[in-house]
N, C-alpha and C. Protein backbone atom coordinates (compact mmCIF):
# COMPACT_ATOMS: atom_id res chain seq x y z
N MET A 1 23.09 45.53 38.47
CA MET A 1 22.18 45.74 39.59
C MET A 1 20.83 46.25 39.10
N GLN A 2 20.89 47.04 38.03
CA GLN A 2 19.63 47.57 37.49
C GLN A 2 18.78 46.42 36.93
N LYS A 3 19.40 45.45 36.26
CA LYS A 3 18.65 44.30 35.73
C LYS A 3 18.03 43.51 36.86
N LYS A 4 18.81 43.32 37.92
CA LYS A 4 18.31 42.57 39.05
C LYS A 4 17.15 43.31 39.72
N LYS A 5 17.25 44.62 39.77
CA LYS A 5 16.22 45.43 40.39
C LYS A 5 14.93 45.40 39.56
N ASN A 6 15.07 45.42 38.22
CA ASN A 6 13.90 45.44 37.34
C ASN A 6 13.24 44.07 37.19
N LYS A 7 13.96 43.05 37.58
CA LYS A 7 13.41 41.70 37.44
C LYS A 7 12.25 41.55 38.41
N LYS A 8 11.09 41.26 37.88
CA LYS A 8 9.91 41.15 38.71
C LYS A 8 9.73 39.70 39.15
N GLY A 9 9.29 39.52 40.34
CA GLY A 9 9.02 38.19 40.85
C GLY A 9 7.67 37.70 40.38
N VAL A 10 7.48 36.41 40.45
CA VAL A 10 6.21 35.82 40.06
C VAL A 10 5.32 35.78 41.28
N ARG A 11 4.11 36.23 41.10
CA ARG A 11 3.18 36.25 42.22
C ARG A 11 2.65 34.84 42.45
N LEU A 12 2.76 34.37 43.65
CA LEU A 12 2.29 33.03 43.99
C LEU A 12 0.80 33.05 44.24
N ASN A 13 0.13 32.05 43.75
CA ASN A 13 -1.30 31.93 43.96
C ASN A 13 -1.52 31.06 45.20
N LEU A 14 -1.54 31.70 46.35
CA LEU A 14 -1.66 30.95 47.59
C LEU A 14 -3.10 30.56 47.90
N CYS A 15 -4.01 31.35 47.46
CA CYS A 15 -5.41 30.99 47.63
C CYS A 15 -6.14 31.31 46.34
N SER A 16 -7.18 30.59 46.08
CA SER A 16 -7.87 30.76 44.80
C SER A 16 -8.72 32.03 44.76
N GLU A 17 -9.15 32.52 45.90
CA GLU A 17 -9.98 33.72 45.91
C GLU A 17 -9.14 34.93 46.34
N SER A 18 -9.51 36.08 45.84
CA SER A 18 -8.81 37.30 46.24
C SER A 18 -9.43 37.85 47.52
N ASN A 19 -8.57 38.27 48.45
CA ASN A 19 -9.03 38.83 49.71
C ASN A 19 -8.65 40.31 49.74
N LYS A 20 -9.57 41.17 49.35
CA LYS A 20 -9.26 42.60 49.27
C LYS A 20 -9.31 43.27 50.63
N ASN A 21 -10.31 42.97 51.42
CA ASN A 21 -10.53 43.69 52.67
C ASN A 21 -9.95 42.97 53.89
N THR A 22 -9.33 41.83 53.69
CA THR A 22 -8.79 41.10 54.83
C THR A 22 -7.28 41.03 54.76
N ILE A 23 -6.69 40.80 55.88
CA ILE A 23 -5.24 40.67 55.94
C ILE A 23 -4.89 39.24 55.56
N ASP A 24 -3.90 39.12 54.67
CA ASP A 24 -3.50 37.80 54.22
C ASP A 24 -2.42 37.26 55.14
N CYS A 25 -2.69 36.11 55.72
CA CYS A 25 -1.70 35.42 56.55
C CYS A 25 -1.61 33.99 56.04
N TYR A 26 -0.41 33.56 55.71
CA TYR A 26 -0.22 32.23 55.19
C TYR A 26 0.85 31.52 56.00
N SER A 27 0.70 30.23 56.12
CA SER A 27 1.69 29.45 56.86
C SER A 27 2.90 29.20 55.97
N PRO A 28 4.06 28.94 56.56
CA PRO A 28 5.24 28.66 55.74
C PRO A 28 5.08 27.41 54.86
N VAL A 29 4.30 26.46 55.29
CA VAL A 29 4.05 25.25 54.49
C VAL A 29 3.32 25.62 53.19
N GLN A 30 2.32 26.50 53.30
CA GLN A 30 1.58 26.93 52.11
C GLN A 30 2.50 27.67 51.14
N VAL A 31 3.39 28.48 51.66
CA VAL A 31 4.30 29.24 50.81
C VAL A 31 5.26 28.30 50.10
N VAL A 32 5.79 27.29 50.80
CA VAL A 32 6.72 26.33 50.18
C VAL A 32 6.01 25.54 49.08
N LYS A 33 4.79 25.09 49.37
CA LYS A 33 4.03 24.34 48.35
C LYS A 33 3.77 25.21 47.12
N ALA A 34 3.44 26.47 47.33
CA ALA A 34 3.17 27.37 46.20
C ALA A 34 4.44 27.59 45.38
N ARG A 35 5.59 27.73 46.03
CA ARG A 35 6.85 27.90 45.30
C ARG A 35 7.20 26.65 44.50
N LEU A 36 7.04 25.48 45.11
CA LEU A 36 7.32 24.23 44.39
C LEU A 36 6.41 24.08 43.17
N PHE A 37 5.14 24.42 43.37
CA PHE A 37 4.19 24.35 42.25
C PHE A 37 4.61 25.30 41.14
N GLN A 38 5.05 26.53 41.52
CA GLN A 38 5.47 27.51 40.52
C GLN A 38 6.72 27.03 39.78
N GLU A 39 7.68 26.44 40.49
CA GLU A 39 8.89 25.91 39.84
C GLU A 39 8.56 24.79 38.88
N GLN A 40 7.66 23.89 39.29
CA GLN A 40 7.25 22.80 38.42
C GLN A 40 6.57 23.34 37.16
N LYS A 41 5.78 24.37 37.33
CA LYS A 41 5.10 25.00 36.20
C LYS A 41 6.12 25.59 35.22
N GLU A 42 7.17 26.22 35.75
CA GLU A 42 8.21 26.81 34.90
C GLU A 42 8.99 25.73 34.16
N VAL A 43 9.28 24.61 34.84
CA VAL A 43 10.00 23.50 34.20
C VAL A 43 9.17 22.93 33.05
N GLU A 44 7.88 22.75 33.28
CA GLU A 44 7.00 22.24 32.22
C GLU A 44 6.93 23.22 31.05
N LYS A 45 6.91 24.50 31.34
CA LYS A 45 6.86 25.51 30.29
C LYS A 45 8.14 25.47 29.45
N GLU A 46 9.30 25.34 30.12
CA GLU A 46 10.57 25.24 29.40
C GLU A 46 10.62 23.98 28.54
N ALA A 47 10.12 22.87 29.10
CA ALA A 47 10.11 21.62 28.34
C ALA A 47 9.22 21.75 27.10
N GLU A 48 8.09 22.42 27.25
CA GLU A 48 7.19 22.63 26.11
C GLU A 48 7.84 23.51 25.04
N GLU A 49 8.54 24.56 25.47
CA GLU A 49 9.24 25.42 24.52
C GLU A 49 10.34 24.66 23.80
N LYS A 50 11.06 23.81 24.53
CA LYS A 50 12.13 23.00 23.92
C LYS A 50 11.54 22.03 22.89
N ARG A 51 10.40 21.42 23.25
CA ARG A 51 9.75 20.49 22.32
C ARG A 51 9.31 21.22 21.05
N LYS A 52 8.74 22.42 21.21
CA LYS A 52 8.31 23.19 20.06
C LYS A 52 9.50 23.58 19.18
N TYR A 53 10.61 23.95 19.83
CA TYR A 53 11.82 24.31 19.07
C TYR A 53 12.36 23.10 18.30
N ASP A 54 12.39 21.94 18.96
CA ASP A 54 12.86 20.71 18.29
C ASP A 54 11.97 20.37 17.10
N ASN A 55 10.65 20.54 17.26
CA ASN A 55 9.73 20.27 16.15
C ASN A 55 9.98 21.22 14.98
N ARG A 56 10.26 22.50 15.29
CA ARG A 56 10.56 23.45 14.22
C ARG A 56 11.82 23.05 13.48
N VAL A 57 12.85 22.63 14.24
CA VAL A 57 14.10 22.21 13.62
C VAL A 57 13.87 20.98 12.73
N LYS A 58 13.09 20.02 13.23
CA LYS A 58 12.79 18.81 12.44
C LYS A 58 12.04 19.16 11.16
N ARG A 59 11.06 20.05 11.29
CA ARG A 59 10.29 20.45 10.10
C ARG A 59 11.18 21.12 9.07
N ALA A 60 12.09 21.97 9.54
CA ALA A 60 13.00 22.65 8.61
C ALA A 60 13.92 21.63 7.94
N ALA A 61 14.43 20.66 8.71
CA ALA A 61 15.31 19.64 8.13
C ALA A 61 14.55 18.79 7.11
N ASN A 62 13.32 18.42 7.45
CA ASN A 62 12.51 17.63 6.51
C ASN A 62 12.21 18.43 5.25
N ALA A 63 11.96 19.72 5.41
CA ALA A 63 11.67 20.55 4.24
C ALA A 63 12.88 20.60 3.31
N LEU A 64 14.09 20.75 3.90
CA LEU A 64 15.30 20.76 3.08
C LEU A 64 15.50 19.42 2.38
N LYS A 65 15.29 18.33 3.13
CA LYS A 65 15.47 16.99 2.55
C LYS A 65 14.48 16.76 1.41
N ASN A 66 13.21 17.15 1.64
CA ASN A 66 12.19 16.96 0.60
C ASN A 66 12.50 17.82 -0.63
N ALA A 67 12.98 19.03 -0.41
CA ALA A 67 13.33 19.89 -1.55
C ALA A 67 14.47 19.26 -2.35
N LYS A 68 15.46 18.72 -1.65
CA LYS A 68 16.58 18.07 -2.33
C LYS A 68 16.12 16.86 -3.12
N GLU A 69 15.26 16.04 -2.52
CA GLU A 69 14.72 14.87 -3.22
C GLU A 69 13.91 15.29 -4.43
N ARG A 70 13.12 16.35 -4.29
CA ARG A 70 12.33 16.84 -5.41
C ARG A 70 13.21 17.27 -6.57
N GLU A 71 14.31 17.98 -6.24
CA GLU A 71 15.24 18.42 -7.28
C GLU A 71 15.88 17.22 -7.97
N GLU A 72 16.28 16.22 -7.20
CA GLU A 72 16.88 15.02 -7.79
C GLU A 72 15.88 14.30 -8.69
N LYS A 73 14.64 14.23 -8.24
CA LYS A 73 13.61 13.57 -9.03
C LYS A 73 13.38 14.32 -10.35
N GLN A 74 13.35 15.63 -10.27
CA GLN A 74 13.17 16.42 -11.49
C GLN A 74 14.36 16.26 -12.42
N ALA A 75 15.57 16.17 -11.85
CA ALA A 75 16.76 15.98 -12.67
C ALA A 75 16.71 14.62 -13.38
N ARG A 76 16.30 13.58 -12.63
CA ARG A 76 16.19 12.24 -13.25
C ARG A 76 15.14 12.25 -14.36
N ALA A 77 14.01 12.93 -14.11
CA ALA A 77 12.96 13.00 -15.13
C ALA A 77 13.46 13.74 -16.37
N ALA A 78 14.25 14.81 -16.16
CA ALA A 78 14.81 15.55 -17.30
C ALA A 78 15.77 14.68 -18.09
N VAL A 79 16.57 13.89 -17.40
CA VAL A 79 17.51 12.99 -18.09
C VAL A 79 16.75 11.94 -18.89
N ARG A 80 15.72 11.37 -18.29
CA ARG A 80 14.91 10.38 -19.02
C ARG A 80 14.27 10.99 -20.25
N GLN A 81 13.74 12.21 -20.11
CA GLN A 81 13.11 12.88 -21.24
C GLN A 81 14.13 13.17 -22.33
N LEU A 82 15.32 13.56 -21.93
CA LEU A 82 16.37 13.83 -22.90
C LEU A 82 16.75 12.57 -23.66
N VAL A 83 16.85 11.45 -22.94
CA VAL A 83 17.17 10.17 -23.59
C VAL A 83 16.07 9.80 -24.58
N LYS A 84 14.81 9.99 -24.19
CA LYS A 84 13.70 9.69 -25.10
C LYS A 84 13.77 10.55 -26.35
N ASP A 85 14.03 11.84 -26.16
CA ASP A 85 14.11 12.75 -27.30
C ASP A 85 15.25 12.36 -28.24
N LEU A 86 16.39 11.97 -27.65
CA LEU A 86 17.52 11.57 -28.49
C LEU A 86 17.22 10.29 -29.25
N LYS A 87 16.52 9.36 -28.63
CA LYS A 87 16.16 8.11 -29.31
C LYS A 87 15.21 8.39 -30.47
N LYS A 88 14.27 9.31 -30.25
CA LYS A 88 13.33 9.64 -31.31
C LYS A 88 14.03 10.38 -32.45
N ALA A 89 14.98 11.22 -32.11
CA ALA A 89 15.66 12.03 -33.13
C ALA A 89 16.63 11.20 -33.96
N ASN A 90 17.27 10.19 -33.37
CA ASN A 90 18.28 9.39 -34.08
C ASN A 90 17.96 7.90 -34.04
N PRO A 91 16.88 7.47 -34.68
CA PRO A 91 16.60 6.03 -34.67
C PRO A 91 17.57 5.26 -35.56
N ALA A 92 18.09 5.87 -36.63
CA ALA A 92 18.99 5.16 -37.56
C ALA A 92 20.34 4.89 -36.91
N ALA A 93 20.83 5.80 -36.11
CA ALA A 93 22.12 5.61 -35.46
C ALA A 93 22.06 4.42 -34.52
N LYS A 94 20.97 4.25 -33.87
CA LYS A 94 20.82 3.14 -32.94
C LYS A 94 20.84 1.81 -33.69
N LYS A 95 20.13 1.73 -34.82
CA LYS A 95 20.08 0.50 -35.60
C LYS A 95 21.43 0.18 -36.21
N SER A 96 22.12 1.16 -36.70
CA SER A 96 23.40 0.90 -37.33
C SER A 96 24.43 0.43 -36.31
N SER A 97 24.37 0.93 -35.09
CA SER A 97 25.33 0.50 -34.08
C SER A 97 25.10 -0.96 -33.72
N LYS A 98 23.85 -1.40 -33.69
CA LYS A 98 23.56 -2.80 -33.39
C LYS A 98 24.04 -3.70 -34.54
N ALA A 99 23.80 -3.28 -35.76
CA ALA A 99 24.23 -4.08 -36.91
C ALA A 99 25.75 -4.17 -36.93
N HIS A 100 26.41 -3.10 -36.61
CA HIS A 100 27.87 -3.10 -36.59
C HIS A 100 28.38 -4.05 -35.50
N ALA A 101 27.75 -4.03 -34.36
CA ALA A 101 28.18 -4.88 -33.25
C ALA A 101 27.99 -6.35 -33.60
N LYS A 102 26.95 -6.68 -34.33
CA LYS A 102 26.71 -8.08 -34.70
C LYS A 102 27.72 -8.56 -35.73
N SER A 103 28.11 -7.71 -36.64
CA SER A 103 29.02 -8.15 -37.70
C SER A 103 30.44 -8.35 -37.18
N VAL A 104 30.79 -7.72 -36.11
CA VAL A 104 32.16 -7.82 -35.59
C VAL A 104 32.40 -9.20 -35.02
N GLY A 105 31.54 -9.67 -34.18
CA GLY A 105 31.76 -10.96 -33.52
C GLY A 105 31.00 -12.06 -34.23
N THR A 106 31.63 -13.23 -34.36
CA THR A 106 30.93 -14.36 -34.96
C THR A 106 30.57 -15.33 -33.84
N THR A 107 29.34 -15.72 -33.82
CA THR A 107 28.89 -16.66 -32.79
C THR A 107 28.54 -17.98 -33.46
N PRO A 108 28.99 -19.07 -32.91
CA PRO A 108 28.66 -20.36 -33.51
C PRO A 108 27.18 -20.68 -33.31
N LYS A 109 26.62 -21.34 -34.30
CA LYS A 109 25.22 -21.71 -34.20
C LYS A 109 25.08 -22.92 -33.30
N LYS A 110 23.99 -22.96 -32.60
CA LYS A 110 23.74 -24.09 -31.70
C LYS A 110 23.31 -25.30 -32.52
N ASN A 111 23.73 -26.45 -32.05
CA ASN A 111 23.31 -27.69 -32.72
C ASN A 111 21.85 -27.95 -32.39
N VAL A 112 21.10 -28.23 -33.45
CA VAL A 112 19.70 -28.52 -33.28
C VAL A 112 19.57 -30.02 -33.06
N SER A 113 18.97 -30.43 -31.99
CA SER A 113 18.84 -31.86 -31.71
C SER A 113 17.84 -32.47 -32.67
N ALA A 114 18.17 -33.65 -33.18
CA ALA A 114 17.32 -34.32 -34.15
C ALA A 114 16.15 -35.02 -33.48
N VAL A 115 16.29 -35.31 -32.19
CA VAL A 115 15.23 -36.04 -31.50
C VAL A 115 14.29 -35.02 -30.86
N PRO A 116 13.02 -35.06 -31.25
CA PRO A 116 12.09 -34.12 -30.63
C PRO A 116 11.81 -34.53 -29.19
N LYS A 117 11.42 -33.58 -28.40
CA LYS A 117 11.10 -33.86 -27.01
C LYS A 117 9.80 -34.67 -26.93
N ALA A 118 9.74 -35.51 -25.93
CA ALA A 118 8.54 -36.33 -25.75
C ALA A 118 7.42 -35.43 -25.21
N ARG A 119 6.28 -35.59 -25.81
CA ARG A 119 5.15 -34.79 -25.38
C ARG A 119 4.36 -35.55 -24.33
N LYS A 120 3.77 -34.81 -23.46
CA LYS A 120 2.96 -35.42 -22.42
C LYS A 120 1.64 -35.85 -23.01
N ALA A 121 1.13 -36.95 -22.51
CA ALA A 121 -0.16 -37.43 -22.97
C ALA A 121 -1.23 -36.51 -22.41
N PRO A 122 -2.24 -36.19 -23.21
CA PRO A 122 -3.29 -35.31 -22.72
C PRO A 122 -4.06 -35.99 -21.58
N VAL A 123 -4.45 -35.19 -20.63
CA VAL A 123 -5.19 -35.70 -19.49
C VAL A 123 -6.62 -35.99 -19.94
N LYS A 124 -7.05 -37.21 -19.65
CA LYS A 124 -8.41 -37.58 -20.04
C LYS A 124 -9.40 -36.92 -19.11
N ALA A 125 -10.47 -36.49 -19.70
CA ALA A 125 -11.51 -35.87 -18.90
C ALA A 125 -12.20 -36.95 -18.07
N ARG A 126 -12.51 -36.64 -16.87
CA ARG A 126 -13.18 -37.61 -16.01
C ARG A 126 -14.62 -37.78 -16.47
N VAL A 127 -15.07 -39.00 -16.35
CA VAL A 127 -16.45 -39.29 -16.70
C VAL A 127 -17.30 -38.83 -15.53
N PRO A 128 -18.30 -38.00 -15.79
CA PRO A 128 -19.12 -37.54 -14.66
C PRO A 128 -19.82 -38.73 -14.00
N PRO A 129 -19.92 -38.72 -12.69
CA PRO A 129 -20.57 -39.84 -12.01
C PRO A 129 -22.05 -39.88 -12.38
N LYS A 130 -22.53 -41.10 -12.43
CA LYS A 130 -23.94 -41.26 -12.78
C LYS A 130 -24.80 -40.92 -11.59
N SER A 131 -25.90 -40.29 -11.85
CA SER A 131 -26.78 -39.91 -10.75
C SER A 131 -27.53 -41.14 -10.25
N PRO A 132 -27.91 -41.17 -8.99
CA PRO A 132 -28.63 -42.33 -8.44
C PRO A 132 -29.95 -42.58 -9.14
N ALA A 133 -30.56 -41.54 -9.69
CA ALA A 133 -31.84 -41.73 -10.37
C ALA A 133 -31.67 -42.60 -11.61
N LYS A 134 -30.54 -42.43 -12.33
CA LYS A 134 -30.30 -43.23 -13.52
C LYS A 134 -30.01 -44.68 -13.14
N ARG A 135 -29.31 -44.85 -12.03
CA ARG A 135 -29.01 -46.21 -11.58
C ARG A 135 -30.29 -46.94 -11.21
N LEU A 136 -31.20 -46.23 -10.58
CA LEU A 136 -32.46 -46.85 -10.20
C LEU A 136 -33.29 -47.22 -11.43
N ALA A 137 -33.17 -46.39 -12.47
CA ALA A 137 -33.95 -46.66 -13.68
C ALA A 137 -33.45 -47.94 -14.35
N LYS A 138 -32.15 -48.24 -14.26
CA LYS A 138 -31.59 -49.43 -14.90
C LYS A 138 -31.84 -50.69 -14.08
N ALA A 139 -32.03 -50.51 -12.78
CA ALA A 139 -32.20 -51.68 -11.91
C ALA A 139 -33.53 -52.35 -12.21
N PRO A 140 -33.54 -53.67 -12.17
CA PRO A 140 -34.81 -54.38 -12.38
C PRO A 140 -35.75 -54.11 -11.22
N ILE A 141 -36.98 -53.83 -11.54
CA ILE A 141 -37.96 -53.48 -10.52
C ILE A 141 -38.83 -54.70 -10.25
N GLU A 142 -38.92 -55.02 -8.99
CA GLU A 142 -39.81 -56.11 -8.60
C GLU A 142 -41.20 -55.53 -8.38
N GLU A 143 -42.19 -56.36 -8.62
CA GLU A 143 -43.54 -55.85 -8.51
C GLU A 143 -43.96 -55.67 -7.05
N VAL A 144 -43.61 -56.60 -6.20
CA VAL A 144 -44.02 -56.52 -4.81
C VAL A 144 -42.76 -56.48 -3.96
N VAL A 145 -42.68 -55.49 -3.12
CA VAL A 145 -41.54 -55.35 -2.23
C VAL A 145 -42.01 -55.74 -0.83
N VAL A 146 -41.43 -56.81 -0.34
CA VAL A 146 -41.86 -57.30 0.96
C VAL A 146 -40.88 -56.88 2.04
N SER A 147 -39.61 -57.05 1.78
CA SER A 147 -38.61 -56.79 2.82
C SER A 147 -38.09 -55.35 2.80
N GLY A 148 -38.52 -54.51 1.90
CA GLY A 148 -38.05 -53.14 1.82
C GLY A 148 -36.88 -52.97 0.88
N VAL A 149 -36.46 -54.04 0.17
CA VAL A 149 -35.37 -53.94 -0.79
C VAL A 149 -35.97 -53.70 -2.15
N ALA A 150 -35.58 -52.62 -2.82
CA ALA A 150 -36.16 -52.28 -4.10
C ALA A 150 -35.40 -52.96 -5.23
N GLY A 151 -34.11 -53.21 -5.08
CA GLY A 151 -33.33 -53.82 -6.14
C GLY A 151 -31.86 -53.63 -5.88
N THR A 152 -31.06 -53.86 -6.91
CA THR A 152 -29.62 -53.69 -6.78
C THR A 152 -29.15 -52.68 -7.81
N SER A 153 -28.09 -51.99 -7.44
CA SER A 153 -27.55 -51.00 -8.36
C SER A 153 -26.57 -51.68 -9.31
N ALA A 154 -25.99 -50.92 -10.23
CA ALA A 154 -25.05 -51.46 -11.20
C ALA A 154 -23.79 -51.99 -10.52
N SER A 155 -23.42 -51.44 -9.39
CA SER A 155 -22.23 -51.90 -8.69
C SER A 155 -22.52 -53.08 -7.79
N GLY A 156 -23.78 -53.49 -7.69
CA GLY A 156 -24.14 -54.67 -6.91
C GLY A 156 -24.66 -54.34 -5.53
N ARG A 157 -24.82 -53.11 -5.20
CA ARG A 157 -25.34 -52.75 -3.89
C ARG A 157 -26.85 -52.87 -3.89
N THR A 158 -27.37 -53.23 -2.74
CA THR A 158 -28.83 -53.33 -2.65
C THR A 158 -29.40 -51.97 -2.33
N ILE A 159 -30.52 -51.69 -2.93
CA ILE A 159 -31.17 -50.40 -2.73
C ILE A 159 -32.37 -50.65 -1.83
N ARG A 160 -32.39 -49.99 -0.68
CA ARG A 160 -33.49 -50.16 0.25
C ARG A 160 -34.38 -48.92 0.19
N LEU A 161 -35.64 -49.18 0.26
CA LEU A 161 -36.60 -48.08 0.27
C LEU A 161 -36.63 -47.45 1.66
N PRO A 162 -36.96 -46.15 1.75
CA PRO A 162 -37.12 -45.52 3.05
C PRO A 162 -38.28 -46.15 3.82
N GLN A 163 -38.30 -45.95 5.12
CA GLN A 163 -39.29 -46.57 5.99
C GLN A 163 -40.70 -46.21 5.59
N ARG A 164 -40.91 -44.99 5.14
CA ARG A 164 -42.27 -44.55 4.83
C ARG A 164 -42.88 -45.26 3.61
N PHE A 165 -41.97 -45.84 2.72
CA PHE A 165 -42.50 -46.53 1.54
C PHE A 165 -42.62 -48.04 1.75
N ARG A 166 -42.19 -48.52 2.89
CA ARG A 166 -42.30 -49.95 3.15
C ARG A 166 -43.71 -50.30 3.59
N GLU A 167 -44.07 -51.56 3.35
CA GLU A 167 -45.43 -51.99 3.71
C GLU A 167 -45.54 -52.38 5.17
N ASN A 168 -44.44 -52.46 5.89
CA ASN A 168 -44.47 -52.92 7.27
C ASN A 168 -44.76 -51.78 8.24
N ASN A 169 -45.38 -50.74 7.81
CA ASN A 169 -45.67 -49.58 8.68
C ASN A 169 -46.59 -49.95 9.76
């Protein structure tokens, strides 16, 4: 009963301004709305506290996981370093074990084929195409051009002059 007696109620904010010299009268609707608002506020506060607690738990779990991974990584690095040190310290033991392993088993030699493999023919480089200026230089030039045809190319095509060089302007 003492706990219940000491438990203080939450003061509802029924109006935004304080009324010191006036009598406060509120309708039951205003009181119900204020209580609902206060309950919603408490629910949101509890949800926020729960979210913060969950985040703390997740951070602690991640910290433990990361610490464990770090320890495993350091252990693997120590093992690798130890293997390197042992290889450097005993290079002769490693060589002798390989020589011993080879002498124990006999492997037949592979037959060498007498016919060599056919080689591919080298790809011929393409001949660069001749520029039109060179083709024009080889074409026979007529002294007077009447119809606008300057000559023929090496492939037999007729070469026509542009309109501005023709005499029919």
